[in-house]
Amino acid sequence: MKVGLLTSGGDCQALNATMRAIVQTLSFQTQDKAVFYGFLDGYHGLVYNQYRRLTKQDLLDGLIQGGTILGTSRMPFKEIDDPLEDGTRKVPSMIETYKNLGLDCLFILGGNGSTKTANRLSDEGLNIIALPKTIDNDTWGTDLTFGFTSAIEIVTRYIDDIRTTATSHGRVFVIEAMGHKVGWIPLYAGIAGGADVILIPEIPFEMKHIVRAINHDQTEGERASIVLVAEGALSKEEAKLSKKEYKARLAKRQEPSVAYIIADQIARLTSREVRVGLPGHSQRGGSPDAQDRLFATQCGIEAARGALEGKFGFMVAQKKGKMCRVPLEDVAGKLKYVDPKGELVKEARYLGISFGDK
């Protein structure tokens, strides 16, 4: 059996753990007769036939090693049929590399954009199995993605560390978490870290409600207020704009991000001292937590089982605690959003957490 592996899009903590499970499972089940090709820097390696041979020894530390030993890059799906600068056509080149190496299967570890390309390659007749990688947990068809729980842990620890200095000085801290289109990270980390306000893209906010929540904290004797903001959080006014109008507004924005806008408005509308905190790309970094290691291993095993069974064209998923397979054509191009009326949002509201909408 000859198989290829690639990691595409943004990196996360459990990519190596997932590849370790694939390689270890196939090696054990085929008595070490499987051959592994790891394509370098995502789909670019597949386009340009750039790879390294992988063995179990290469991934011995895969459970604890963050990032990806293969490297990664982004190749936007909307540009998949546009030639590269040197004139190379992406899809035909990827197909050629796959066939020249005589691959029996290609495992693609990636998020939503990567899954779209995976589905395209599957439609072109290649044997593709995708695995749900993203710290954002926004991949449709699965309850969990690897990288997510590690990111939650990092943001939660960041809130913990900020709270002590915020309390000491009686400050409001506006902390910006990743989440361009969906708010799973700030929702989970905000509850786990005891944030007072959580702002996510799915629930547009109004400043008056944020200010009221902060003032309420002060009247209750709390010295610190934590406002956790998704990078894609938007106001009710912005939510009414067309996509084109919203992009035009973003292009005119002078502040580095939405967190600075909110912090400035809080400072102007209250008597509080306000600071901004940015965990940034550390949310993708470091070793995977125990939950990510477990789920990544489960994903790798299930993907390897599919290859051994000769079943392709699916993404590995977990639903209600059980591993399953979802057709790629059902996954590609879809995002899993936070339900504003979902149970976790309701539970947060019972705690008194404000989402800035009321």
Protein backbone atom coordinates (compact mmCIF):
# COMPACT_ATOMS: atom_id res chain seq x y z
CA MET A 1 0.00 0.00 0.00
CA LYS A 2 1.31 3.44 -0.97
CA VAL A 3 -0.28 6.39 0.80
CA GLY A 4 0.27 10.12 0.87
CA LEU A 5 -0.28 12.57 3.72
CA LEU A 6 -0.45 16.34 3.71
CA THR A 7 -1.34 19.06 6.19
CA SER A 8 -3.02 22.13 4.74
CA GLY A 9 -4.15 25.54 5.95
CA GLY A 10 -3.43 26.93 9.41
CA ASP A 11 -1.44 24.68 11.71
CA CYS A 12 -2.65 23.35 15.05
CA GLN A 13 -1.41 21.30 17.97
CA ALA A 14 -2.45 17.76 16.99
CA LEU A 15 -1.47 17.38 13.33
CA ASN A 16 1.53 15.21 14.11
CA ALA A 17 -0.52 13.13 16.55
CA THR A 18 -3.05 12.43 13.80
CA MET A 19 -0.39 11.43 11.26
CA ARG A 20 1.25 9.23 13.89
CA ALA A 21 -2.00 7.31 14.33
CA ILE A 22 -2.42 6.85 10.56
CA VAL A 23 1.14 5.64 10.05
CA GLN A 24 1.18 3.42 13.12
CA THR A 25 -2.18 1.80 12.32
CA LEU A 26 -1.35 1.09 8.67
CA SER A 27 2.16 -0.13 9.55
CA PHE A 28 0.79 -2.55 12.13
CA GLN A 29 -2.06 -3.80 9.96
CA THR A 30 0.14 -4.36 6.88
CA GLN A 31 3.15 -5.78 8.78
CA ASP A 32 5.18 -2.65 7.92
CA LYS A 33 4.63 -3.07 4.19
CA ALA A 34 2.89 0.29 3.76
CA VAL A 35 4.89 3.12 2.17
CA PHE A 36 4.26 6.69 3.27
CA TYR A 37 4.85 9.92 1.33
CA GLY A 38 4.55 13.14 3.29
CA PHE A 39 3.95 16.11 0.98
CA LEU A 40 5.70 19.30 2.04
CA ASP A 41 3.90 22.55 2.76
CA GLY A 42 0.38 21.39 2.06
CA TYR A 43 -1.05 21.22 -1.44
CA HIS A 44 2.03 22.98 -2.80
CA GLY A 45 4.03 19.82 -2.17
CA LEU A 46 1.47 17.80 -4.07
CA VAL A 47 1.52 20.28 -6.95
CA TYR A 48 5.31 20.30 -7.26
CA ASN A 49 5.96 16.65 -6.32
CA GLN A 50 7.85 17.67 -3.18
CA TYR A 51 7.70 15.06 -0.45
CA ARG A 52 9.63 13.07 2.11
CA ARG A 53 9.31 9.40 2.92
CA LEU A 54 7.83 8.90 6.36
CA THR A 55 8.36 6.09 8.85
CA LYS A 56 7.02 5.35 12.30
CA GLN A 57 10.28 6.69 13.73
CA ASP A 58 9.62 10.11 12.18
CA LEU A 59 6.49 10.41 14.29
CA LEU A 60 7.63 8.85 17.56
CA ASP A 61 7.05 12.17 19.34
CA GLY A 62 3.90 12.93 17.35
CA LEU A 63 1.62 12.83 20.38
CA ILE A 64 3.37 15.71 22.10
CA GLN A 65 4.89 17.64 19.19
CA GLY A 66 2.81 20.60 18.02
CA GLY A 67 2.76 22.10 14.54
CA THR A 68 3.42 19.79 11.59
CA ILE A 69 6.66 18.10 10.61
CA LEU A 70 5.56 18.37 6.96
CA GLY A 71 4.98 22.12 6.98
CA THR A 72 1.78 23.73 5.80
CA SER A 73 0.48 26.56 3.62
CA ARG A 74 -2.77 27.96 2.32
CA MET A 75 -4.10 27.41 -1.18
CA PRO A 76 -7.48 29.18 -1.39
CA PHE A 77 -10.11 27.04 -3.06
CA LYS A 78 -11.54 30.01 -4.95
CA GLU A 79 -8.20 30.18 -6.77
CA ILE A 80 -7.82 26.45 -7.33
CA ASP A 81 -8.24 26.73 -11.10
CA ASP A 82 -6.01 29.81 -11.40
CA PRO A 83 -2.47 28.98 -12.61
CA LEU A 84 0.42 29.68 -10.26
CA GLU A 85 2.93 32.42 -11.10
CA ASP A 86 5.06 30.02 -13.13
CA GLY A 87 2.02 28.88 -15.11
CA THR A 88 1.58 25.59 -13.26
CA ARG A 89 -1.99 24.33 -13.21
CA LYS A 90 -2.76 23.14 -9.71
CA VAL A 91 -5.33 20.38 -10.06
CA PRO A 92 -3.76 18.62 -13.09
CA SER A 93 -0.36 18.76 -11.38
CA MET A 94 -1.73 17.27 -8.16
CA ILE A 95 -3.37 14.45 -10.09
CA GLU A 96 -0.14 13.81 -11.97
CA THR A 97 1.90 13.59 -8.76
CA TYR A 98 -0.63 11.21 -7.21
CA LYS A 99 -0.59 8.90 -10.22
CA ASN A 100 3.17 9.01 -10.82
CA LEU A 101 3.78 7.84 -7.25
CA GLY A 102 1.15 5.14 -7.64
CA LEU A 103 -0.71 6.19 -4.51
CA ASP A 104 -3.56 4.05 -3.24
CA CYS A 105 -4.86 6.83 -0.99
CA LEU A 106 -4.18 10.43 0.03
CA PHE A 107 -4.93 11.58 3.57
CA ILE A 108 -5.64 15.32 3.81
CA LEU A 109 -5.54 16.96 7.22
CA GLY A 110 -7.23 20.34 6.93
CA GLY A 111 -10.11 22.66 7.64
CA ASN A 112 -12.95 23.94 5.50
CA GLY A 113 -10.95 25.31 2.57
CA SER A 114 -8.74 22.23 2.50
CA THR A 115 -11.80 20.00 2.53
CA LYS A 116 -13.19 21.78 -0.53
CA THR A 117 -10.02 20.95 -2.45
CA ALA A 118 -10.11 17.40 -1.08
CA ASN A 119 -13.61 17.01 -2.46
CA ARG A 120 -12.47 18.38 -5.82
CA LEU A 121 -9.68 15.80 -5.99
CA SER A 122 -12.11 13.09 -5.00
CA ASP A 123 -14.41 14.15 -7.84
CA GLU A 124 -11.40 13.88 -10.16
CA GLY A 125 -11.15 10.20 -9.29
CA LEU A 126 -8.46 10.17 -6.58
CA ASN A 127 -8.88 8.09 -3.41
CA ILE A 128 -9.17 10.79 -0.75
CA ILE A 129 -9.78 10.66 2.99
CA ALA A 130 -10.01 13.95 4.90
CA LEU A 131 -9.48 14.57 8.61
CA PRO A 132 -11.03 17.56 10.46
CA LYS A 133 -8.26 19.94 11.52
CA THR A 134 -8.97 23.41 12.88
CA ILE A 135 -8.74 25.18 16.21
CA ASP A 136 -11.99 26.96 15.28
CA ASN A 137 -14.12 23.78 15.50
CA ASP A 138 -16.18 25.12 12.58
CA THR A 139 -15.99 22.10 10.26
CA TRP A 140 -19.47 20.96 9.35
CA GLY A 141 -20.46 17.34 9.97
CA THR A 142 -18.42 16.71 13.11
CA ASP A 143 -18.95 17.67 16.74
CA LEU A 144 -15.21 18.10 17.27
CA THR A 145 -12.06 19.00 15.35
CA PHE A 146 -8.52 18.35 16.52
CA GLY A 147 -6.76 21.49 17.68
CA PHE A 148 -9.91 22.92 19.27
CA THR A 149 -9.56 21.78 22.87
CA SER A 150 -5.89 22.80 22.98
CA ALA A 151 -6.82 26.29 21.79
CA ILE A 152 -9.52 26.53 24.45
CA GLU A 153 -6.99 25.57 27.10
CA ILE A 154 -4.55 28.27 25.93
CA VAL A 155 -7.17 31.05 25.91
CA THR A 156 -8.52 29.93 29.28
CA ARG A 157 -5.05 30.04 30.83
CA TYR A 158 -4.53 33.47 29.26
CA ILE A 159 -7.71 34.74 30.93
CA ASP A 160 -6.55 33.26 34.24
CA ASP A 161 -3.20 35.04 33.99
CA ILE A 162 -4.74 38.36 32.96
CA ARG A 163 -7.32 38.29 35.73
CA THR A 164 -4.75 38.64 38.51
CA THR A 165 -3.24 41.81 37.09
CA ALA A 166 -6.67 43.13 36.10
CA THR A 167 -7.89 42.64 39.65
CA SER A 168 -4.79 44.23 41.15
CA HIS A 169 -5.30 47.42 39.14
CA GLY A 170 -9.10 47.37 38.90
CA ARG A 171 -8.99 47.25 35.11
CA VAL A 172 -11.19 46.06 32.28
CA PHE A 173 -9.36 43.72 29.91
CA VAL A 174 -10.61 43.17 26.37
CA ILE A 175 -9.09 39.89 25.19
CA GLU A 176 -9.27 38.93 21.53
CA ALA A 177 -9.52 35.24 20.63
CA MET A 178 -9.44 33.65 17.21
CA GLY A 179 -12.76 33.16 15.46
CA HIS A 180 -13.17 35.03 12.19
CA LYS A 181 -16.57 33.65 11.24
CA VAL A 182 -17.56 31.47 14.20
CA GLY A 183 -17.24 31.85 17.94
CA TRP A 184 -16.59 28.39 19.35
CA ILE A 185 -13.23 29.27 20.95
CA PRO A 186 -14.39 32.40 22.81
CA LEU A 187 -17.65 30.71 23.82
CA TYR A 188 -15.95 27.71 25.45
CA ALA A 189 -12.93 29.57 26.81
CA GLY A 190 -15.08 32.45 27.99
CA ILE A 191 -17.22 30.18 30.12
CA ALA A 192 -14.23 28.17 31.34
CA GLY A 193 -12.31 31.34 32.20
CA GLY A 194 -15.20 33.17 33.82
CA ALA A 195 -15.43 36.03 31.31
CA ASP A 196 -18.04 38.67 32.08
CA VAL A 197 -18.80 39.42 28.42
CA ILE A 198 -18.38 37.12 25.41
CA LEU A 199 -18.72 38.58 21.92
CA ILE A 200 -18.99 36.19 18.97
CA PRO A 201 -19.82 36.68 15.25
CA GLU A 202 -23.12 34.81 15.56
CA ILE A 203 -24.52 37.28 18.13
CA PRO A 204 -24.10 40.93 17.05
CA PHE A 205 -23.56 43.31 19.95
CA GLU A 206 -24.46 46.83 21.08
CA MET A 207 -22.06 48.83 23.22
CA LYS A 208 -24.76 49.89 25.66
CA HIS A 209 -25.25 46.27 26.75
CA ILE A 210 -21.50 45.70 27.15
CA VAL A 211 -21.19 48.84 29.25
CA ARG A 212 -24.15 47.83 31.40
CA ALA A 213 -22.56 44.45 32.12
CA ILE A 214 -19.26 46.08 33.09
CA ASN A 215 -20.98 48.64 35.33
CA HIS A 216 -22.95 45.84 36.96
CA ASP A 217 -19.71 44.02 37.78
CA GLN A 218 -18.41 47.17 39.46
CA THR A 219 -21.53 47.66 41.55
CA GLU A 220 -21.24 44.02 42.66
CA GLY A 221 -17.78 44.79 43.99
CA GLU A 222 -15.75 43.10 41.25
CA ARG A 223 -12.49 44.94 40.60
CA ALA A 224 -11.79 43.25 37.25
CA SER A 225 -13.96 42.79 34.16
CA ILE A 226 -13.03 40.42 31.35
CA VAL A 227 -14.49 40.97 27.87
CA LEU A 228 -13.59 38.09 25.53
CA VAL A 229 -13.99 39.06 21.88
CA ALA A 230 -13.85 36.89 18.76
CA GLU A 231 -11.74 38.49 16.04
CA GLY A 232 -14.83 38.44 13.81
CA ALA A 233 -17.26 39.93 16.33
CA LEU A 234 -19.48 42.62 14.84
CA SER A 235 -22.01 45.16 16.03
CA LYS A 236 -25.72 45.05 15.25
CA GLU A 237 -25.18 47.97 12.91
CA GLU A 238 -22.45 46.09 11.02
CA ALA A 239 -24.60 42.96 10.86
CA LYS A 240 -27.15 44.86 8.80
CA LEU A 241 -24.59 45.77 6.12
CA SER A 242 -24.19 43.81 2.91
CA LYS A 243 -21.04 41.74 2.55
CA LYS A 244 -19.60 44.34 0.19
CA GLU A 245 -20.43 47.22 2.53
CA TYR A 246 -18.94 45.41 5.51
CA LYS A 247 -15.68 44.70 3.66
CA ALA A 248 -15.50 48.37 2.67
CA ARG A 249 -15.88 49.37 6.31
CA LEU A 250 -13.16 46.96 7.39
CA ALA A 251 -10.85 48.38 4.73
CA LYS A 252 -11.25 51.84 6.29
CA ARG A 253 -10.66 50.62 9.84
CA GLN A 254 -7.63 52.30 11.39
CA GLU A 255 -7.51 50.23 14.56
CA PRO A 256 -5.50 46.97 14.52
CA SER A 257 -8.60 44.87 15.31
CA VAL A 258 -12.10 44.87 16.77
CA ALA A 259 -10.73 44.47 20.32
CA TYR A 260 -9.15 47.92 20.16
CA ILE A 261 -12.38 49.50 18.93
CA ILE A 262 -14.36 47.96 21.76
CA ALA A 263 -11.70 48.85 24.34
CA ASP A 264 -11.70 52.48 23.20
CA GLN A 265 -15.48 52.71 23.41
CA ILE A 266 -15.55 51.13 26.87
CA ALA A 267 -12.96 53.64 28.06
CA ARG A 268 -15.01 56.53 26.71
CA LEU A 269 -18.33 55.30 28.07
CA THR A 270 -17.16 54.28 31.54
CA SER A 271 -14.74 55.60 34.12
CA ARG A 272 -12.70 52.39 33.95
CA GLU A 273 -9.11 51.86 32.90
CA VAL A 274 -9.07 49.50 29.90
CA ARG A 275 -6.37 47.32 28.38
CA VAL A 276 -6.26 44.95 25.39
CA GLY A 277 -4.86 41.41 25.56
CA LEU A 278 -3.94 39.35 22.49
CA PRO A 279 -3.11 35.63 22.85
CA GLY A 280 -2.65 35.68 19.06
CA HIS A 281 -1.03 32.75 17.30
CA SER A 282 -0.12 31.10 20.57
CA GLN A 283 -3.64 29.66 20.28
CA ARG A 284 -2.26 27.38 17.57
CA GLY A 285 1.01 26.64 19.30
CA GLY A 286 2.57 24.26 21.77
CA SER A 287 1.79 20.64 22.58
CA PRO A 288 -1.72 19.23 22.18
CA ASP A 289 -3.71 18.67 25.36
CA ALA A 290 -4.86 15.19 26.39
CA GLN A 291 -8.27 15.50 24.72
CA ASP A 292 -6.70 16.55 21.42
CA ARG A 293 -4.23 13.67 21.58
CA LEU A 294 -7.06 11.21 22.11
CA PHE A 295 -9.31 12.60 19.39
CA ALA A 296 -6.45 12.96 16.90
CA THR A 297 -5.55 9.32 17.51
CA GLN A 298 -9.16 8.25 16.99
CA CYS A 299 -9.29 10.23 13.75
CA GLY A 300 -6.09 8.65 12.47
CA ILE A 301 -7.26 5.14 13.29
CA GLU A 302 -10.64 5.64 11.62
CA ALA A 303 -9.02 7.13 8.52
CA ALA A 304 -6.57 4.22 8.29
CA ARG A 305 -9.43 1.74 8.67
CA GLY A 306 -11.19 3.35 5.74
CA ALA A 307 -8.10 2.96 3.55
CA LEU A 308 -7.72 -0.69 4.58
CA GLU A 309 -11.36 -1.29 3.67
CA GLY A 310 -10.96 0.45 0.31
CA LYS A 311 -13.47 3.14 1.30
CA PHE A 312 -12.73 6.71 0.21
CA GLY A 313 -14.37 10.07 -0.46
CA PHE A 314 -15.23 10.78 3.16
CA MET A 315 -14.15 12.92 6.10
CA VAL A 316 -13.60 11.34 9.49
CA ALA A 317 -15.96 12.80 12.09
CA GLN A 318 -17.26 12.37 15.59
CA LYS A 319 -20.94 12.62 16.40
CA LYS A 320 -22.36 12.14 19.88
CA GLY A 321 -19.08 10.64 21.03
CA LYS A 322 -18.80 8.05 18.27
CA MET A 323 -16.43 8.05 15.31
CA CYS A 324 -18.09 8.04 11.91
CA ARG A 325 -17.57 8.97 8.26
CA VAL A 326 -19.23 11.85 6.43
CA PRO A 327 -19.24 12.08 2.60
CA LEU A 328 -16.87 14.80 1.42
CA GLU A 329 -19.52 16.25 -0.87
CA ASP A 330 -21.71 16.85 2.21
CA VAL A 331 -18.94 18.64 4.10
CA ALA A 332 -17.23 20.83 1.50
CA GLY A 333 -18.15 24.49 1.63
CA LYS A 334 -20.12 24.35 4.88
CA LEU A 335 -19.38 25.94 8.23
CA LYS A 336 -20.64 24.86 11.64
CA TYR A 337 -21.82 27.97 13.45
CA VAL A 338 -22.61 28.55 17.11
CA ASP A 339 -26.36 28.44 17.61
CA PRO A 340 -27.33 31.70 19.38
CA LYS A 341 -30.19 29.77 20.98
CA GLY A 342 -28.12 26.68 21.74
CA GLU A 343 -27.78 25.11 25.18
CA LEU A 344 -24.29 26.41 25.94
CA VAL A 345 -25.29 29.99 25.16
CA LYS A 346 -28.38 29.59 27.34
CA GLU A 347 -26.30 28.19 30.18
CA ALA A 348 -23.85 31.08 29.93
CA ARG A 349 -26.71 33.56 30.15
CA TYR A 350 -27.96 31.85 33.33
CA LEU A 351 -24.56 32.61 34.84
CA GLY A 352 -25.02 36.27 34.01
CA ILE A 353 -22.55 36.30 31.13
CA SER A 354 -23.45 39.00 28.62
CA PHE A 355 -23.22 38.47 24.88
CA GLY A 356 -23.68 42.18 24.26
CA ASP A 357 -27.07 41.78 22.61
CA LYS A 358 -29.40 42.50 25.51
